[in-house]
Amino acid sequence: MSGFDFSLFTQGGPMMVVLAALGVFGLVLFIERTLYLHRGQIRAKAFLEGLKNILAKRRLVEALTVCEETPGPVAAVVKAALLHADDDAVAMRFHVQEAAIVELPAIERRLNAIAAIAQVAPLVGLLGTLLGMITTFVAFEKGDYVTASSLAGGMKQALLSTAGSLMLAIPAHLAYHFLSGRVRAIVRDVEWSGNEIMKYLLTEYRGKTPGDGDAPVAGK
């Protein structure tokens, strides 16, 4: 089985170089974003259950330490709530939302660049196609007698440029939607974790005192 004929790349015209550069750039972005999102996505439910067990023993500092050692926006938002565990509901929600506003743009960063590559690649291919067709018409203008090979060169350039752009645009679109799905999952975890920890701090956590274990305080 023969490998890829790299001479086809050079026959695709100057736009093939642009497509190759966009492809390398998009691949680097995809790998970086995939690793970043993988590191930032944790099992939010298990994480919160562990923190609740720690908070049930009134070990707030230990819970804060766990949040600091855990990467990702979920831990950062939960930490913001813990730092204001004694505040009222309005103040606590403000600080949680402020932490989310700081954290969420970081996980969405560079996604637009991948989307732009997916959208621009077909346009670059179209430009290469037009350049190939122009090459063909220039061959016609050279004289009354035109060889088939001279005409085929321009047509091949046009087709290869179109094929190259689609070979880049399709995986770029898939990469963008894959990463967008990961981002949406993390955003849902952040929203759920923020609401869950606030509900716990405002009800169960404040309904306990250091000396009564799990027993509710009178009047609660």
N, C-alpha and C. Protein backbone atom coordinates (compact mmCIF):
# COMPACT_ATOMS: atom_id res chain seq x y z
N MET A 1 0.86 -1.20 0.00
CA MET A 1 0.00 0.00 0.00
C MET A 1 0.89 1.24 0.00
N SER A 2 0.73 2.07 -0.97
CA SER A 2 1.56 3.27 -1.09
C SER A 2 1.10 4.32 -0.10
N GLY A 3 2.06 5.15 0.35
CA GLY A 3 1.72 6.21 1.27
C GLY A 3 1.19 7.43 0.56
N PHE A 4 1.04 8.49 1.35
CA PHE A 4 0.51 9.73 0.79
C PHE A 4 1.53 10.36 -0.15
N ASP A 5 1.07 10.80 -1.29
CA ASP A 5 1.94 11.44 -2.27
C ASP A 5 2.07 12.92 -1.92
N PHE A 6 3.22 13.29 -1.34
CA PHE A 6 3.39 14.67 -0.89
C PHE A 6 3.53 15.64 -2.06
N SER A 7 3.74 15.12 -3.26
CA SER A 7 3.80 16.02 -4.41
C SER A 7 2.44 16.66 -4.67
N LEU A 8 1.38 16.02 -4.22
CA LEU A 8 0.05 16.60 -4.37
C LEU A 8 -0.07 17.90 -3.58
N PHE A 9 0.67 17.96 -2.47
CA PHE A 9 0.62 19.18 -1.65
C PHE A 9 1.15 20.37 -2.43
N THR A 10 2.27 20.18 -3.10
CA THR A 10 2.85 21.29 -3.86
C THR A 10 2.03 21.62 -5.10
N GLN A 11 1.34 20.61 -5.64
CA GLN A 11 0.51 20.85 -6.82
C GLN A 11 -0.78 21.58 -6.48
N GLY A 12 -1.10 21.69 -5.19
CA GLY A 12 -2.32 22.37 -4.78
C GLY A 12 -2.22 23.87 -4.77
N GLY A 13 -1.05 24.40 -5.04
CA GLY A 13 -0.91 25.85 -5.11
C GLY A 13 -0.52 26.49 -3.79
N PRO A 14 -0.36 27.80 -3.78
CA PRO A 14 0.11 28.51 -2.58
C PRO A 14 -0.84 28.43 -1.40
N MET A 15 -2.13 28.26 -1.63
CA MET A 15 -3.08 28.21 -0.53
C MET A 15 -2.92 26.94 0.32
N MET A 16 -2.26 25.93 -0.22
CA MET A 16 -2.02 24.73 0.56
C MET A 16 -1.09 25.01 1.74
N VAL A 17 -0.18 25.95 1.54
CA VAL A 17 0.71 26.34 2.64
C VAL A 17 -0.09 27.02 3.75
N VAL A 18 -1.03 27.87 3.36
CA VAL A 18 -1.89 28.54 4.35
C VAL A 18 -2.73 27.51 5.10
N LEU A 19 -3.28 26.54 4.38
CA LEU A 19 -4.09 25.51 5.01
C LEU A 19 -3.25 24.66 5.97
N ALA A 20 -2.01 24.36 5.58
CA ALA A 20 -1.13 23.58 6.45
C ALA A 20 -0.83 24.34 7.73
N ALA A 21 -0.58 25.65 7.61
CA ALA A 21 -0.31 26.47 8.79
C ALA A 21 -1.52 26.52 9.72
N LEU A 22 -2.71 26.69 9.13
CA LEU A 22 -3.93 26.69 9.94
C LEU A 22 -4.14 25.34 10.61
N GLY A 23 -3.82 24.26 9.91
CA GLY A 23 -3.98 22.93 10.48
C GLY A 23 -3.08 22.69 11.67
N VAL A 24 -1.82 23.11 11.55
CA VAL A 24 -0.88 22.95 12.67
C VAL A 24 -1.32 23.79 13.86
N PHE A 25 -1.72 25.02 13.59
CA PHE A 25 -2.17 25.91 14.66
C PHE A 25 -3.41 25.35 15.35
N GLY A 26 -4.36 24.85 14.56
CA GLY A 26 -5.57 24.27 15.14
C GLY A 26 -5.29 23.02 15.95
N LEU A 27 -4.35 22.20 15.50
CA LEU A 27 -3.99 20.99 16.24
C LEU A 27 -3.37 21.33 17.59
N VAL A 28 -2.50 22.33 17.61
CA VAL A 28 -1.89 22.76 18.87
C VAL A 28 -2.96 23.27 19.84
N LEU A 29 -3.89 24.07 19.33
CA LEU A 29 -4.97 24.58 20.18
C LEU A 29 -5.83 23.45 20.72
N PHE A 30 -6.14 22.49 19.88
CA PHE A 30 -7.00 21.38 20.30
C PHE A 30 -6.33 20.56 21.41
N ILE A 31 -5.06 20.25 21.23
CA ILE A 31 -4.35 19.47 22.25
C ILE A 31 -4.26 20.24 23.57
N GLU A 32 -3.94 21.53 23.49
CA GLU A 32 -3.83 22.34 24.70
C GLU A 32 -5.16 22.44 25.43
N ARG A 33 -6.24 22.68 24.69
CA ARG A 33 -7.56 22.80 25.31
C ARG A 33 -8.03 21.46 25.89
N THR A 34 -7.75 20.38 25.20
CA THR A 34 -8.17 19.07 25.68
C THR A 34 -7.49 18.75 27.01
N LEU A 35 -6.21 19.00 27.10
CA LEU A 35 -5.47 18.74 28.33
C LEU A 35 -5.95 19.66 29.45
N TYR A 36 -6.19 20.92 29.12
CA TYR A 36 -6.64 21.88 30.13
C TYR A 36 -8.01 21.51 30.69
N LEU A 37 -8.93 21.18 29.81
CA LEU A 37 -10.28 20.83 30.26
C LEU A 37 -10.29 19.50 31.00
N HIS A 38 -9.44 18.57 30.58
CA HIS A 38 -9.35 17.29 31.29
C HIS A 38 -8.87 17.51 32.72
N ARG A 39 -7.92 18.42 32.88
CA ARG A 39 -7.39 18.71 34.20
C ARG A 39 -8.42 19.43 35.06
N GLY A 40 -9.23 20.28 34.43
CA GLY A 40 -10.18 21.09 35.19
C GLY A 40 -11.50 20.40 35.49
N GLN A 41 -11.78 19.27 34.85
CA GLN A 41 -13.05 18.58 35.08
C GLN A 41 -12.87 17.51 36.13
N ILE A 42 -13.62 17.62 37.22
CA ILE A 42 -13.55 16.65 38.30
C ILE A 42 -14.94 16.07 38.54
N ARG A 43 -15.00 15.06 39.37
CA ARG A 43 -16.29 14.50 39.74
C ARG A 43 -16.90 15.37 40.83
N ALA A 44 -17.74 16.29 40.39
CA ALA A 44 -18.26 17.31 41.30
C ALA A 44 -19.05 16.72 42.46
N LYS A 45 -19.86 15.71 42.17
CA LYS A 45 -20.69 15.13 43.23
C LYS A 45 -19.83 14.48 44.31
N ALA A 46 -18.84 13.69 43.90
CA ALA A 46 -17.96 13.04 44.87
C ALA A 46 -17.13 14.09 45.63
N PHE A 47 -16.72 15.13 44.93
CA PHE A 47 -15.93 16.19 45.56
C PHE A 47 -16.74 16.88 46.65
N LEU A 48 -17.99 17.20 46.36
CA LEU A 48 -18.82 17.87 47.36
C LEU A 48 -19.17 16.97 48.52
N GLU A 49 -19.40 15.70 48.24
CA GLU A 49 -19.70 14.77 49.33
C GLU A 49 -18.53 14.68 50.30
N GLY A 50 -17.31 14.68 49.75
CA GLY A 50 -16.14 14.66 50.61
C GLY A 50 -16.02 15.92 51.45
N LEU A 51 -16.31 17.07 50.84
CA LEU A 51 -16.26 18.32 51.59
C LEU A 51 -17.33 18.38 52.66
N LYS A 52 -18.51 17.87 52.38
CA LYS A 52 -19.58 17.88 53.37
C LYS A 52 -19.20 17.03 54.58
N ASN A 53 -18.53 15.92 54.33
CA ASN A 53 -18.08 15.09 55.45
C ASN A 53 -17.07 15.83 56.32
N ILE A 54 -16.20 16.60 55.67
CA ILE A 54 -15.22 17.39 56.42
C ILE A 54 -15.90 18.51 57.18
N LEU A 55 -16.83 19.21 56.52
CA LEU A 55 -17.54 20.32 57.17
C LEU A 55 -18.44 19.85 58.30
N ALA A 56 -18.93 18.63 58.20
CA ALA A 56 -19.77 18.09 59.28
C ALA A 56 -18.98 17.98 60.57
N LYS A 57 -17.65 17.89 60.44
CA LYS A 57 -16.78 17.83 61.63
C LYS A 57 -16.25 19.21 61.98
N ARG A 58 -16.81 20.23 61.35
CA ARG A 58 -16.45 21.63 61.61
C ARG A 58 -15.00 21.93 61.26
N ARG A 59 -14.48 21.28 60.26
CA ARG A 59 -13.09 21.49 59.83
C ARG A 59 -13.08 22.35 58.57
N LEU A 60 -13.41 23.60 58.76
CA LEU A 60 -13.51 24.51 57.62
C LEU A 60 -12.15 24.75 56.95
N VAL A 61 -11.10 24.89 57.75
CA VAL A 61 -9.77 25.12 57.20
C VAL A 61 -9.33 23.94 56.35
N GLU A 62 -9.63 22.73 56.81
CA GLU A 62 -9.27 21.54 56.05
C GLU A 62 -10.03 21.51 54.72
N ALA A 63 -11.30 21.91 54.77
CA ALA A 63 -12.09 21.95 53.53
C ALA A 63 -11.51 22.97 52.55
N LEU A 64 -11.07 24.10 53.06
CA LEU A 64 -10.45 25.12 52.20
C LEU A 64 -9.15 24.60 51.60
N THR A 65 -8.40 23.84 52.37
CA THR A 65 -7.15 23.27 51.87
C THR A 65 -7.41 22.29 50.74
N VAL A 66 -8.46 21.49 50.89
CA VAL A 66 -8.83 20.54 49.84
C VAL A 66 -9.19 21.29 48.55
N CYS A 67 -9.91 22.40 48.69
CA CYS A 67 -10.28 23.19 47.51
C CYS A 67 -9.05 23.78 46.83
N GLU A 68 -8.10 24.25 47.63
CA GLU A 68 -6.89 24.84 47.06
C GLU A 68 -6.06 23.81 46.32
N GLU A 69 -6.08 22.56 46.79
CA GLU A 69 -5.27 21.51 46.17
C GLU A 69 -5.98 20.86 44.98
N THR A 70 -7.25 21.19 44.79
CA THR A 70 -8.01 20.61 43.69
C THR A 70 -8.07 21.58 42.52
N PRO A 71 -7.63 21.19 41.34
CA PRO A 71 -7.66 22.12 40.19
C PRO A 71 -9.06 22.25 39.62
N GLY A 72 -9.28 23.31 38.88
CA GLY A 72 -10.53 23.46 38.16
C GLY A 72 -11.45 24.51 38.75
N PRO A 73 -12.41 24.97 37.96
CA PRO A 73 -13.34 26.02 38.41
C PRO A 73 -14.31 25.58 39.49
N VAL A 74 -14.65 24.29 39.53
CA VAL A 74 -15.57 23.81 40.56
C VAL A 74 -15.00 24.06 41.94
N ALA A 75 -13.75 23.68 42.15
CA ALA A 75 -13.10 23.87 43.44
C ALA A 75 -12.97 25.36 43.78
N ALA A 76 -12.70 26.18 42.77
CA ALA A 76 -12.56 27.62 43.01
C ALA A 76 -13.87 28.25 43.45
N VAL A 77 -14.97 27.84 42.83
CA VAL A 77 -16.28 28.38 43.20
C VAL A 77 -16.69 27.91 44.58
N VAL A 78 -16.46 26.64 44.88
CA VAL A 78 -16.78 26.12 46.21
C VAL A 78 -15.94 26.82 47.27
N LYS A 79 -14.68 27.06 46.97
CA LYS A 79 -13.81 27.75 47.91
C LYS A 79 -14.34 29.15 48.22
N ALA A 80 -14.84 29.85 47.20
CA ALA A 80 -15.40 31.18 47.41
C ALA A 80 -16.57 31.13 48.39
N ALA A 81 -17.39 30.09 48.28
CA ALA A 81 -18.51 29.94 49.21
C ALA A 81 -18.01 29.65 50.62
N LEU A 82 -17.00 28.81 50.75
CA LEU A 82 -16.48 28.46 52.07
C LEU A 82 -15.83 29.66 52.75
N LEU A 83 -15.18 30.51 51.97
CA LEU A 83 -14.54 31.70 52.55
C LEU A 83 -15.56 32.67 53.12
N HIS A 84 -16.80 32.55 52.67
CA HIS A 84 -17.87 33.43 53.15
C HIS A 84 -18.99 32.60 53.77
N ALA A 85 -18.59 31.56 54.47
CA ALA A 85 -19.57 30.65 55.07
C ALA A 85 -20.43 31.32 56.12
N ASP A 86 -19.93 32.41 56.72
CA ASP A 86 -20.70 33.09 57.76
C ASP A 86 -21.51 34.26 57.23
N ASP A 87 -21.42 34.54 55.94
CA ASP A 87 -22.17 35.65 55.35
C ASP A 87 -23.63 35.25 55.14
N ASP A 88 -24.45 36.25 54.86
CA ASP A 88 -25.84 35.96 54.54
C ASP A 88 -25.93 35.42 53.11
N ALA A 89 -27.12 34.98 52.73
CA ALA A 89 -27.30 34.32 51.44
C ALA A 89 -26.95 35.23 50.28
N VAL A 90 -27.32 36.51 50.36
CA VAL A 90 -27.07 37.44 49.26
C VAL A 90 -25.58 37.66 49.07
N ALA A 91 -24.86 37.89 50.16
CA ALA A 91 -23.42 38.13 50.07
C ALA A 91 -22.69 36.88 49.59
N MET A 92 -23.11 35.73 50.09
CA MET A 92 -22.45 34.49 49.68
C MET A 92 -22.67 34.24 48.19
N ARG A 93 -23.88 34.44 47.72
CA ARG A 93 -24.16 34.23 46.30
C ARG A 93 -23.37 35.20 45.43
N PHE A 94 -23.20 36.42 45.90
CA PHE A 94 -22.41 37.40 45.15
C PHE A 94 -20.98 36.93 44.95
N HIS A 95 -20.37 36.44 46.02
CA HIS A 95 -18.98 36.01 45.95
C HIS A 95 -18.84 34.73 45.11
N VAL A 96 -19.82 33.85 45.17
CA VAL A 96 -19.79 32.64 44.35
C VAL A 96 -19.90 33.00 42.88
N GLN A 97 -20.81 33.91 42.55
CA GLN A 97 -20.96 34.34 41.16
C GLN A 97 -19.72 35.08 40.68
N GLU A 98 -19.10 35.85 41.56
CA GLU A 98 -17.88 36.56 41.19
C GLU A 98 -16.77 35.57 40.86
N ALA A 99 -16.64 34.51 41.66
CA ALA A 99 -15.63 33.49 41.39
C ALA A 99 -15.91 32.78 40.07
N ALA A 100 -17.19 32.52 39.79
CA ALA A 100 -17.56 31.86 38.53
C ALA A 100 -17.23 32.75 37.33
N ILE A 101 -17.46 34.05 37.47
CA ILE A 101 -17.16 34.98 36.39
C ILE A 101 -15.67 35.00 36.08
N VAL A 102 -14.85 34.82 37.11
CA VAL A 102 -13.40 34.80 36.92
C VAL A 102 -12.95 33.48 36.28
N GLU A 103 -13.56 32.37 36.69
CA GLU A 103 -13.09 31.05 36.27
C GLU A 103 -13.61 30.63 34.89
N LEU A 104 -14.86 30.92 34.59
CA LEU A 104 -15.46 30.38 33.37
C LEU A 104 -14.82 30.89 32.07
N PRO A 105 -14.44 32.16 31.97
CA PRO A 105 -13.78 32.58 30.72
C PRO A 105 -12.50 31.80 30.42
N ALA A 106 -11.82 31.31 31.45
CA ALA A 106 -10.58 30.57 31.22
C ALA A 106 -10.84 29.24 30.51
N ILE A 107 -11.96 28.59 30.80
CA ILE A 107 -12.24 27.31 30.15
C ILE A 107 -12.79 27.50 28.75
N GLU A 108 -13.31 28.70 28.45
CA GLU A 108 -13.83 28.97 27.11
C GLU A 108 -12.79 29.59 26.20
N ARG A 109 -11.62 29.90 26.74
CA ARG A 109 -10.58 30.57 25.98
C ARG A 109 -10.11 29.70 24.80
N ARG A 110 -9.86 30.32 23.69
CA ARG A 110 -9.31 29.74 22.46
C ARG A 110 -10.30 28.87 21.68
N LEU A 111 -11.50 28.67 22.20
CA LEU A 111 -12.49 27.90 21.43
C LEU A 111 -12.90 28.67 20.17
N ASN A 112 -12.99 29.98 20.30
CA ASN A 112 -13.37 30.78 19.13
C ASN A 112 -12.31 30.71 18.04
N ALA A 113 -11.05 30.52 18.44
CA ALA A 113 -9.99 30.41 17.44
C ALA A 113 -10.15 29.13 16.62
N ILE A 114 -10.53 28.04 17.29
CA ILE A 114 -10.76 26.78 16.58
C ILE A 114 -11.98 26.90 15.66
N ALA A 115 -13.03 27.57 16.14
CA ALA A 115 -14.21 27.79 15.31
C ALA A 115 -13.86 28.65 14.10
N ALA A 116 -12.99 29.64 14.30
CA ALA A 116 -12.59 30.50 13.19
C ALA A 116 -11.82 29.71 12.13
N ILE A 117 -10.97 28.79 12.56
CA ILE A 117 -10.23 27.97 11.60
C ILE A 117 -11.20 27.12 10.78
N ALA A 118 -12.20 26.56 11.45
CA ALA A 118 -13.19 25.73 10.74
C ALA A 118 -13.97 26.55 9.72
N GLN A 119 -14.20 27.82 10.01
CA GLN A 119 -14.97 28.66 9.11
C GLN A 119 -14.11 29.26 7.99
N VAL A 120 -12.86 29.55 8.30
CA VAL A 120 -11.99 30.20 7.32
C VAL A 120 -11.42 29.19 6.33
N ALA A 121 -11.20 27.96 6.75
CA ALA A 121 -10.57 26.96 5.88
C ALA A 121 -11.29 26.80 4.53
N PRO A 122 -12.63 26.69 4.48
CA PRO A 122 -13.29 26.59 3.17
C PRO A 122 -13.09 27.84 2.30
N LEU A 123 -12.99 29.00 2.95
CA LEU A 123 -12.76 30.22 2.18
C LEU A 123 -11.36 30.24 1.57
N VAL A 124 -10.40 29.75 2.35
CA VAL A 124 -9.04 29.64 1.81
C VAL A 124 -9.02 28.65 0.65
N GLY A 125 -9.74 27.54 0.81
CA GLY A 125 -9.83 26.57 -0.27
C GLY A 125 -10.50 27.14 -1.50
N LEU A 126 -11.53 27.96 -1.30
CA LEU A 126 -12.20 28.60 -2.43
C LEU A 126 -11.26 29.54 -3.17
N LEU A 127 -10.45 30.27 -2.40
CA LEU A 127 -9.47 31.15 -3.03
C LEU A 127 -8.46 30.34 -3.85
N GLY A 128 -8.03 29.20 -3.28
CA GLY A 128 -7.13 28.34 -4.04
C GLY A 128 -7.77 27.79 -5.30
N THR A 129 -9.06 27.48 -5.21
CA THR A 129 -9.79 27.00 -6.39
C THR A 129 -9.84 28.07 -7.48
N LEU A 130 -10.10 29.30 -7.07
CA LEU A 130 -10.15 30.40 -8.05
C LEU A 130 -8.78 30.63 -8.68
N LEU A 131 -7.73 30.52 -7.87
CA LEU A 131 -6.39 30.69 -8.42
C LEU A 131 -6.08 29.59 -9.43
N GLY A 132 -6.54 28.37 -9.13
CA GLY A 132 -6.34 27.27 -10.08
C GLY A 132 -7.09 27.51 -11.38
N MET A 133 -8.32 28.00 -11.27
CA MET A 133 -9.09 28.29 -12.49
C MET A 133 -8.44 29.43 -13.29
N ILE A 134 -7.89 30.42 -12.58
CA ILE A 134 -7.21 31.51 -13.27
C ILE A 134 -6.00 30.97 -14.03
N THR A 135 -5.29 30.03 -13.39
CA THR A 135 -4.14 29.41 -14.07
C THR A 135 -4.58 28.71 -15.36
N THR A 136 -5.74 28.06 -15.31
CA THR A 136 -6.26 27.38 -16.49
C THR A 136 -6.59 28.37 -17.60
N PHE A 137 -7.24 29.48 -17.27
CA PHE A 137 -7.60 30.48 -18.29
C PHE A 137 -6.37 31.18 -18.85
N VAL A 138 -5.35 31.35 -18.00
CA VAL A 138 -4.10 31.93 -18.51
C VAL A 138 -3.49 31.03 -19.56
N ALA A 139 -3.59 29.69 -19.34
CA ALA A 139 -3.08 28.74 -20.33
C ALA A 139 -3.82 28.87 -21.65
N PHE A 140 -5.12 29.14 -21.59
CA PHE A 140 -5.89 29.35 -22.82
C PHE A 140 -5.40 30.59 -23.57
N GLU A 141 -5.04 31.62 -22.83
CA GLU A 141 -4.65 32.88 -23.46
C GLU A 141 -3.28 32.83 -24.12
N LYS A 142 -2.51 31.79 -23.84
CA LYS A 142 -1.15 31.71 -24.38
C LYS A 142 -1.13 31.43 -25.89
N GLY A 143 -2.20 30.91 -26.42
CA GLY A 143 -2.21 30.66 -27.86
C GLY A 143 -3.40 29.80 -28.25
N ASP A 144 -3.52 29.56 -29.51
CA ASP A 144 -4.63 28.76 -30.01
C ASP A 144 -4.46 27.28 -29.66
N TYR A 145 -3.20 26.83 -29.53
CA TYR A 145 -2.95 25.41 -29.27
C TYR A 145 -2.53 25.25 -27.82
N VAL A 146 -3.34 24.53 -27.07
CA VAL A 146 -3.08 24.31 -25.65
C VAL A 146 -3.08 22.82 -25.39
N THR A 147 -2.03 22.35 -24.72
CA THR A 147 -1.96 20.93 -24.41
C THR A 147 -2.86 20.58 -23.24
N ALA A 148 -3.24 19.31 -23.17
CA ALA A 148 -4.09 18.86 -22.08
C ALA A 148 -3.39 18.96 -20.73
N SER A 149 -2.09 18.74 -20.71
CA SER A 149 -1.36 18.79 -19.45
C SER A 149 -1.33 20.20 -18.87
N SER A 150 -1.24 21.20 -19.75
CA SER A 150 -1.22 22.58 -19.26
C SER A 150 -2.56 22.97 -18.66
N LEU A 151 -3.64 22.45 -19.22
CA LEU A 151 -4.97 22.72 -18.66
C LEU A 151 -5.20 21.92 -17.39
N ALA A 152 -4.69 20.70 -17.35
CA ALA A 152 -4.90 19.83 -16.20
C ALA A 152 -4.22 20.38 -14.95
N GLY A 153 -3.09 21.10 -15.14
CA GLY A 153 -2.38 21.64 -13.98
C GLY A 153 -3.24 22.59 -13.18
N GLY A 154 -3.91 23.51 -13.85
CA GLY A 154 -4.78 24.46 -13.16
C GLY A 154 -5.97 23.79 -12.53
N MET A 155 -6.57 22.84 -13.25
CA MET A 155 -7.73 22.14 -12.69
C MET A 155 -7.33 21.31 -11.47
N LYS A 156 -6.16 20.68 -11.53
CA LYS A 156 -5.70 19.90 -10.39
C LYS A 156 -5.46 20.80 -9.18
N GLN A 157 -4.86 21.97 -9.42
CA GLN A 157 -4.64 22.90 -8.33
C GLN A 157 -5.96 23.31 -7.68
N ALA A 158 -6.96 23.55 -8.51
CA ALA A 158 -8.26 23.95 -7.97
C ALA A 158 -8.88 22.85 -7.13
N LEU A 159 -8.84 21.62 -7.62
CA LEU A 159 -9.46 20.50 -6.91
C LEU A 159 -8.70 20.17 -5.62
N LEU A 160 -7.38 20.18 -5.69
CA LEU A 160 -6.58 19.86 -4.51
C LEU A 160 -6.77 20.91 -3.42
N SER A 161 -6.88 22.15 -3.80
CA SER A 161 -7.10 23.21 -2.83
C SER A 161 -8.46 23.04 -2.13
N THR A 162 -9.47 22.71 -2.92
CA THR A 162 -10.80 22.47 -2.34
C THR A 162 -10.78 21.28 -1.39
N ALA A 163 -10.15 20.19 -1.83
CA ALA A 163 -10.08 19.00 -0.99
C ALA A 163 -9.31 19.27 0.29
N GLY A 164 -8.21 20.00 0.19
CA GLY A 164 -7.41 20.31 1.38
C GLY A 164 -8.18 21.14 2.39
N SER A 165 -8.98 22.09 1.89
CA SER A 165 -9.75 22.93 2.82
C SER A 165 -10.81 22.12 3.55
N LEU A 166 -11.44 21.19 2.84
CA LEU A 166 -12.45 20.35 3.50
C LEU A 166 -11.82 19.38 4.48
N MET A 167 -10.64 18.89 4.15
CA MET A 167 -9.93 17.99 5.06
C MET A 167 -9.54 18.69 6.36
N LEU A 168 -9.42 20.00 6.32
CA LEU A 168 -9.13 20.78 7.53
C LEU A 168 -10.40 21.22 8.23
N ALA A 169 -11.39 21.68 7.46
CA ALA A 169 -12.60 22.25 8.06
C ALA A 169 -13.41 21.20 8.81
N ILE A 170 -13.52 20.00 8.27
CA ILE A 170 -14.36 18.97 8.91
C ILE A 170 -13.84 18.58 10.29
N PRO A 171 -12.57 18.19 10.44
CA PRO A 171 -12.09 17.88 11.79
C PRO A 171 -12.07 19.09 12.71
N ALA A 172 -11.88 20.30 12.15
CA ALA A 172 -11.90 21.49 13.00
C ALA A 172 -13.28 21.72 13.58
N HIS A 173 -14.32 21.51 12.77
CA HIS A 173 -15.69 21.61 13.28
C HIS A 173 -15.94 20.56 14.37
N LEU A 174 -15.50 19.34 14.13
CA LEU A 174 -15.68 18.28 15.13
C LEU A 174 -14.94 18.60 16.41
N ALA A 175 -13.73 19.13 16.28
CA ALA A 175 -12.95 19.48 17.47
C ALA A 175 -13.64 20.58 18.27
N TYR A 176 -14.18 21.57 17.57
CA TYR A 176 -14.87 22.67 18.25
C TYR A 176 -16.09 22.16 19.02
N HIS A 177 -16.89 21.32 18.39
CA HIS A 177 -18.09 20.82 19.06
C HIS A 177 -17.73 19.87 20.21
N PHE A 178 -16.66 19.12 20.06
CA PHE A 178 -16.21 18.25 21.15
C PHE A 178 -15.80 19.07 22.37
N LEU A 179 -14.99 20.10 22.12
CA LEU A 179 -14.54 20.94 23.23
C LEU A 179 -15.69 21.75 23.82
N SER A 180 -16.61 22.19 22.99
CA SER A 180 -17.77 22.94 23.49
C SER A 180 -18.60 22.07 24.41
N GLY A 181 -18.73 20.78 24.08
CA GLY A 181 -19.45 19.86 24.95
C GLY A 181 -18.77 19.71 26.30
N ARG A 182 -17.44 19.63 26.29
CA ARG A 182 -16.70 19.54 27.54
C ARG A 182 -16.88 20.80 28.38
N VAL A 183 -16.88 21.95 27.72
CA VAL A 183 -17.06 23.22 28.42
C VAL A 183 -18.45 23.29 29.05
N ARG A 184 -19.47 22.88 28.30
CA ARG A 184 -20.83 22.92 28.84
C ARG A 184 -20.95 22.00 30.05
N ALA A 185 -20.29 20.85 30.01
CA ALA A 185 -20.34 19.93 31.15
C ALA A 185 -19.70 20.57 32.38
N ILE A 186 -18.58 21.26 32.20
CA ILE A 186 -17.93 21.90 33.33
C ILE A 186 -18.78 23.05 33.87
N VAL A 187 -19.40 23.81 32.97
CA VAL A 187 -20.26 24.91 33.41
C VAL A 187 -21.43 24.37 34.23
N ARG A 188 -22.02 23.27 33.80
CA ARG A 188 -23.11 22.67 34.58
C ARG A 188 -22.61 22.23 35.95
N ASP A 189 -21.42 21.65 36.01
CA ASP A 189 -20.86 21.24 37.30
C ASP A 189 -20.62 22.44 38.21
N VAL A 190 -20.15 23.55 37.62
CA VAL A 190 -19.90 24.75 38.41
C VAL A 190 -21.20 25.30 38.98
N GLU A 191 -22.24 25.39 38.14
CA GLU A 191 -23.52 25.91 38.61
C GLU A 191 -24.12 25.02 39.69
N TRP A 192 -24.08 23.70 39.46
CA TRP A 192 -24.65 22.79 40.44
C TRP A 192 -23.86 22.82 41.74
N SER A 193 -22.55 22.83 41.66
CA SER A 193 -21.71 22.82 42.86
C SER A 193 -21.89 24.09 43.67
N GLY A 194 -21.97 25.24 42.97
CA GLY A 194 -22.17 26.50 43.67
C GLY A 194 -23.49 26.52 44.42
N ASN A 195 -24.56 26.10 43.78
CA ASN A 195 -25.86 26.07 44.44
C ASN A 195 -25.89 25.05 45.58
N GLU A 196 -25.27 23.90 45.36
CA GLU A 196 -25.30 22.84 46.36
C GLU A 196 -24.52 23.24 47.62
N ILE A 197 -23.34 23.82 47.46
CA ILE A 197 -22.55 24.19 48.63
C ILE A 197 -23.20 25.35 49.38
N MET A 198 -23.82 26.29 48.66
CA MET A 198 -24.51 27.38 49.34
C MET A 198 -25.70 26.86 50.13
N LYS A 199 -26.44 25.94 49.53
CA LYS A 199 -27.59 25.37 50.23
C LYS A 199 -27.15 24.64 51.49
N TYR A 200 -26.03 23.92 51.38
CA TYR A 200 -25.52 23.19 52.55
C TYR A 200 -25.05 24.15 53.64
N LEU A 201 -24.30 25.18 53.26
CA LEU A 201 -23.78 26.12 54.25
C LEU A 201 -24.88 26.91 54.95
N LEU A 202 -25.92 27.25 54.20
CA LEU A 202 -26.99 28.07 54.76
C LEU A 202 -28.00 27.27 55.58
N THR A 203 -27.98 25.96 55.45
CA THR A 203 -28.96 25.14 56.17
C THR A 203 -28.27 24.17 57.13
N GLU A 204 -27.76 23.07 56.62
CA GLU A 204 -27.20 22.04 57.49
C GLU A 204 -25.98 22.51 58.26
N TYR A 205 -25.07 23.22 57.60
CA TYR A 205 -23.84 23.63 58.27
C TYR A 205 -24.13 24.60 59.41
N ARG A 206 -25.02 25.53 59.20
CA ARG A 206 -25.37 26.48 60.26
C ARG A 206 -26.32 25.89 61.28
N GLY A 207 -26.85 24.74 60.98
CA GLY A 207 -27.74 24.08 61.93
C GLY A 207 -27.02 23.19 62.90
N LYS A 208 -25.66 23.22 62.87
CA LYS A 208 -24.86 22.41 63.77
C LYS A 208 -23.92 23.30 64.57
N THR A 209 -23.56 22.87 65.74
CA THR A 209 -22.55 23.54 66.54
C THR A 209 -21.44 22.55 66.81
N PRO A 210 -20.24 23.01 67.15
CA PRO A 210 -19.12 22.09 67.31
C PRO A 210 -19.35 20.99 68.32
N GLY A 211 -20.21 21.22 69.28
CA GLY A 211 -20.35 20.21 70.32
C GLY A 211 -21.54 19.29 70.20
N ASP A 212 -22.40 19.49 69.20
CA ASP A 212 -23.61 18.67 69.16
C ASP A 212 -23.62 17.66 68.04
N GLY A 213 -22.51 17.48 67.30
CA GLY A 213 -22.48 16.47 66.24
C GLY A 213 -23.45 16.81 65.15
N ASP A 214 -24.36 15.88 64.86
CA ASP A 214 -25.32 16.09 63.80
C ASP A 214 -26.66 16.60 64.32
N ALA A 215 -26.76 16.85 65.59
CA ALA A 215 -28.04 17.28 66.15
C ALA A 215 -28.30 18.73 65.78
N PRO A 216 -29.52 19.07 65.39
CA PRO A 216 -29.83 20.45 65.01
C PRO A 216 -29.90 21.35 66.22
N VAL A 217 -29.56 22.61 66.00
CA VAL A 217 -29.65 23.60 67.06
C VAL A 217 -31.11 23.90 67.34
N ALA A 218 -31.44 24.14 68.60
CA ALA A 218 -32.82 24.40 68.97
C ALA A 218 -33.33 25.62 68.24
N GLY A 219 -34.52 25.50 67.74
CA GLY A 219 -35.14 26.60 67.01
C GLY A 219 -34.91 26.53 65.52
N LYS A 220 -34.02 25.61 65.05
CA LYS A 220 -33.74 25.46 63.63
C LYS A 220 -34.72 24.50 62.99
